[in-house]
Amino acid sequence: MQKKDDGDWWLYFGHDNNNLSPVGFWSSTWGGYTESTIGNPSPAMGNGQWPGENSASFRDLKFVDANGQGYDPAPWPAGLLLLSTNKNCYQVSPYLDSVFHFGGPGGCTRL
């Protein structure tokens, strides 16, 4: 959920809306990120699997409006910006059926 005062996004975990616990937050823009030192291979992202049924995923995402009401993102390609800057190391699937998968084995060397 996005806080009204500073725009940060809070991640909550729970099995229903009455049993949620905060687990972390991101600034008003967020995403996945990996990095390695020059000359060393990059680490895996997620669980190291390419996007698919057994990879890391986000499911049942909700946007929250200014009144605190949750709503579903628009269907792909309009709803979420999902991108990878190095598709040889990491990839992300479209957001379909309330889920997107992401990850990759890494192994790219930064020169």
Foldseek 3Di string as FASTA:
>chain_A
DADPPFQKAWDWDDDDPVDTDTDDIDHNDDDDDWDDPAFFWIAKPFVADAKDDPGDKDFQDWDADPVRDTDDADAPPPGDDADDPDVVAKDKDGCDPRMIGIIHGTGDHHD
